[in-house]
């Protein structure tokens, strides 16, 4: 298998982390990878909030009903920005995916936690991110305390050639 693709297949959602803190240089590398993402008109509308403080991570875990494990992850990274342009959310999700792939390449575990309109007010309050800046994603990251086998979820039945000819 192509070594470059192995990292993509190894990227899995990890929700159990060792308590070891992440070196600042490693966090910076994740952010470098995130900011290497494409963005519409090269706007680069992203901003990132890195939270390593245990008390703040506890608040974040309490603010997101499906991310209680944020309290145990050594770092939580919020991807947000001023919503400019119709492709803003896509720009920030591209940055998030780069961050996740970089984490896998560095031997880290990470989990993308979805941020909905319902969850945003509590997350804004927990993080201090002003409400005029839109939180798009939240990523918990650290050294994995669980192992998941690499995989692809390729399904040829979901692939069409030249024209969609399937049912909906």
Protein backbone atom coordinates (compact mmCIF):
# COMPACT_ATOMS: atom_id res chain seq x y z
CA UNK A 1 0.00 0.00 0.00
CA UNK A 2 1.12 3.54 -0.71
CA UNK A 3 2.72 4.92 2.48
CA UNK A 4 1.13 8.31 1.91
CA UNK A 5 -2.36 6.80 1.96
CA UNK A 6 -1.68 4.74 5.07
CA UNK A 7 -1.99 7.89 7.19
CA UNK A 8 -5.44 8.64 5.79
CA UNK A 9 -6.64 5.08 6.47
CA UNK A 10 -5.10 5.20 9.96
CA UNK A 11 -7.08 8.33 10.85
CA UNK A 12 -9.84 7.14 13.16
CA UNK A 13 -11.98 8.89 15.75
CA UNK A 14 -10.20 8.41 19.07
CA UNK A 15 -12.08 9.26 22.25
CA UNK A 16 -9.71 7.87 24.90
CA UNK A 17 -6.46 9.68 25.58
CA UNK A 18 -3.39 9.32 27.76
CA UNK A 19 -2.96 12.20 30.17
CA UNK A 20 0.47 13.18 28.78
CA UNK A 21 0.55 16.80 27.61
CA UNK A 22 1.36 17.55 23.99
CA UNK A 23 4.53 19.52 23.23
CA UNK A 24 3.87 23.04 21.96
CA UNK A 25 5.83 22.20 18.82
CA UNK A 26 3.46 19.33 18.04
CA UNK A 27 0.41 21.53 18.49
CA UNK A 28 2.00 24.11 16.22
CA UNK A 29 2.62 21.42 13.59
CA UNK A 30 -1.08 20.49 13.68
CA UNK A 31 -1.99 24.14 13.14
CA UNK A 32 0.51 24.47 10.29
CA UNK A 33 -1.15 21.52 8.59
CA UNK A 34 -4.63 22.96 9.20
CA UNK A 35 -3.60 26.28 7.67
CA UNK A 36 -2.22 24.49 4.60
CA UNK A 37 -5.82 23.70 3.61
CA UNK A 38 -7.38 25.25 0.53
CA UNK A 39 -9.87 28.07 0.98
CA UNK A 40 -12.16 29.90 -1.42
CA UNK A 41 -10.37 32.89 -2.99
CA UNK A 42 -7.50 32.05 -0.61
CA UNK A 43 -9.36 33.96 2.15
CA UNK A 44 -7.96 31.73 4.90
CA UNK A 45 -10.87 32.72 7.19
CA UNK A 46 -9.90 30.36 9.97
CA UNK A 47 -8.90 31.08 13.52
CA UNK A 48 -7.90 28.48 16.10
CA UNK A 49 -8.24 28.34 19.85
CA UNK A 50 -6.02 25.72 21.53
CA UNK A 51 -7.13 24.77 25.02
CA UNK A 52 -4.81 22.76 27.26
CA UNK A 53 -5.93 24.10 30.63
CA UNK A 54 -7.77 21.35 32.52
CA UNK A 55 -10.41 23.65 34.03
CA UNK A 56 -11.31 25.11 30.64
CA UNK A 57 -11.42 21.64 29.05
CA UNK A 58 -13.84 20.61 31.82
CA UNK A 59 -16.10 23.57 30.93
CA UNK A 60 -15.93 22.65 27.25
CA UNK A 61 -16.81 19.02 28.05
CA UNK A 62 -19.81 20.24 30.03
CA UNK A 63 -20.93 22.49 27.17
CA UNK A 64 -20.94 19.77 24.48
CA UNK A 65 -23.21 16.77 25.17
CA UNK A 66 -21.28 14.41 22.87
CA UNK A 67 -17.77 15.44 23.87
CA UNK A 68 -17.49 14.58 27.55
CA UNK A 69 -14.09 13.04 26.71
CA UNK A 70 -12.77 16.58 26.03
CA UNK A 71 -12.05 16.76 29.75
CA UNK A 72 -9.49 13.93 29.38
CA UNK A 73 -7.92 14.97 26.08
CA UNK A 74 -4.70 16.94 26.57
CA UNK A 75 -5.80 19.53 24.02
CA UNK A 76 -9.01 20.77 22.46
CA UNK A 77 -8.74 22.85 19.31
CA UNK A 78 -11.61 25.05 18.16
CA UNK A 79 -11.79 26.02 14.49
CA UNK A 80 -13.74 29.25 14.04
CA UNK A 81 -13.73 32.59 12.28
CA UNK A 82 -15.69 35.52 10.94
CA UNK A 83 -18.25 33.98 8.56
CA UNK A 84 -17.33 35.62 5.27
CA UNK A 85 -18.34 34.19 1.92
CA UNK A 86 -20.70 31.36 1.09
CA UNK A 87 -17.93 28.74 1.35
CA UNK A 88 -16.80 29.69 4.88
CA UNK A 89 -17.94 26.41 6.50
CA UNK A 90 -16.26 24.40 3.75
CA UNK A 91 -13.01 26.32 4.20
CA UNK A 92 -12.97 25.56 7.92
CA UNK A 93 -13.88 21.90 7.47
CA UNK A 94 -11.00 21.52 4.99
CA UNK A 95 -8.67 22.95 7.66
CA UNK A 96 -10.16 20.55 10.21
CA UNK A 97 -9.57 17.52 7.99
CA UNK A 98 -5.95 18.57 7.44
CA UNK A 99 -5.54 18.83 11.21
CA UNK A 100 -7.00 15.33 11.69
CA UNK A 101 -4.76 13.77 9.06
CA UNK A 102 -1.71 15.52 10.52
CA UNK A 103 -2.61 14.16 13.96
CA UNK A 104 -2.72 10.62 12.56
CA UNK A 105 0.61 11.19 10.80
CA UNK A 106 2.18 12.31 14.10
CA UNK A 107 0.88 9.23 15.93
CA UNK A 108 -1.78 11.18 17.81
CA UNK A 109 -5.42 10.39 18.31
CA UNK A 110 -8.10 12.93 17.53
CA UNK A 111 -11.85 13.24 17.32
CA UNK A 112 -13.86 15.80 15.37
CA UNK A 113 -16.79 16.92 17.50
CA UNK A 114 -19.63 18.46 15.54
CA UNK A 115 -20.79 21.94 16.50
CA UNK A 116 -24.45 22.71 15.86
CA UNK A 117 -26.39 25.96 16.20
CA UNK A 118 -27.87 24.57 19.42
CA UNK A 119 -24.42 23.89 20.92
CA UNK A 120 -22.74 27.13 19.85
CA UNK A 121 -23.99 29.46 22.64
CA UNK A 122 -22.70 27.14 25.39
CA UNK A 123 -19.36 26.68 23.59
CA UNK A 124 -18.99 30.43 23.08
CA UNK A 125 -19.58 30.92 26.81
CA UNK A 126 -17.14 28.16 27.76
CA UNK A 127 -14.34 29.42 25.50
CA UNK A 128 -14.77 33.17 25.43
CA UNK A 129 -14.99 33.14 21.62
CA UNK A 130 -17.25 36.10 20.75
CA UNK A 131 -20.63 35.13 19.27
CA UNK A 132 -20.03 37.07 16.04
CA UNK A 133 -17.27 34.55 15.27
CA UNK A 134 -18.73 31.23 14.11
CA UNK A 135 -17.41 28.05 15.73
CA UNK A 136 -17.46 25.39 13.01
CA UNK A 137 -15.63 22.45 14.57
CA UNK A 138 -13.98 21.28 17.75
CA UNK A 139 -11.20 18.67 17.79
CA UNK A 140 -10.01 16.74 20.84
CA UNK A 141 -6.43 15.57 20.41
CA UNK A 142 -3.78 13.70 22.36
CA UNK A 143 -1.80 10.50 22.63
CA UNK A 144 -4.28 7.67 22.05
CA UNK A 145 -5.25 5.37 24.91
CA UNK A 146 -7.16 3.13 22.50
CA UNK A 147 -6.21 1.51 19.21
CA UNK A 148 -8.38 1.20 16.14
CA UNK A 149 -7.29 -0.64 13.03
CA UNK A 150 -6.74 1.38 9.86
CA UNK A 151 -9.60 1.12 7.41
CA UNK A 152 -11.26 2.42 4.32
CA UNK A 153 -15.01 2.56 4.08
CA UNK A 154 -14.95 2.36 0.30
CA UNK A 155 -18.28 1.23 -1.14
CA UNK A 156 -18.40 0.82 -4.92
CA UNK A 157 -22.23 0.96 -4.80
CA UNK A 158 -21.92 4.66 -3.89
CA UNK A 159 -19.82 5.53 -6.93
CA UNK A 160 -21.31 6.55 -10.29
CA UNK A 161 -19.62 7.19 -13.63
CA UNK A 162 -20.40 10.07 -15.92
CA UNK A 163 -24.02 10.47 -14.76
CA UNK A 164 -26.04 9.68 -11.64
CA UNK A 165 -28.24 6.71 -12.44
CA UNK A 166 -29.22 5.45 -9.01
CA UNK A 167 -32.26 5.89 -6.83
CA UNK A 168 -32.47 8.25 -3.93
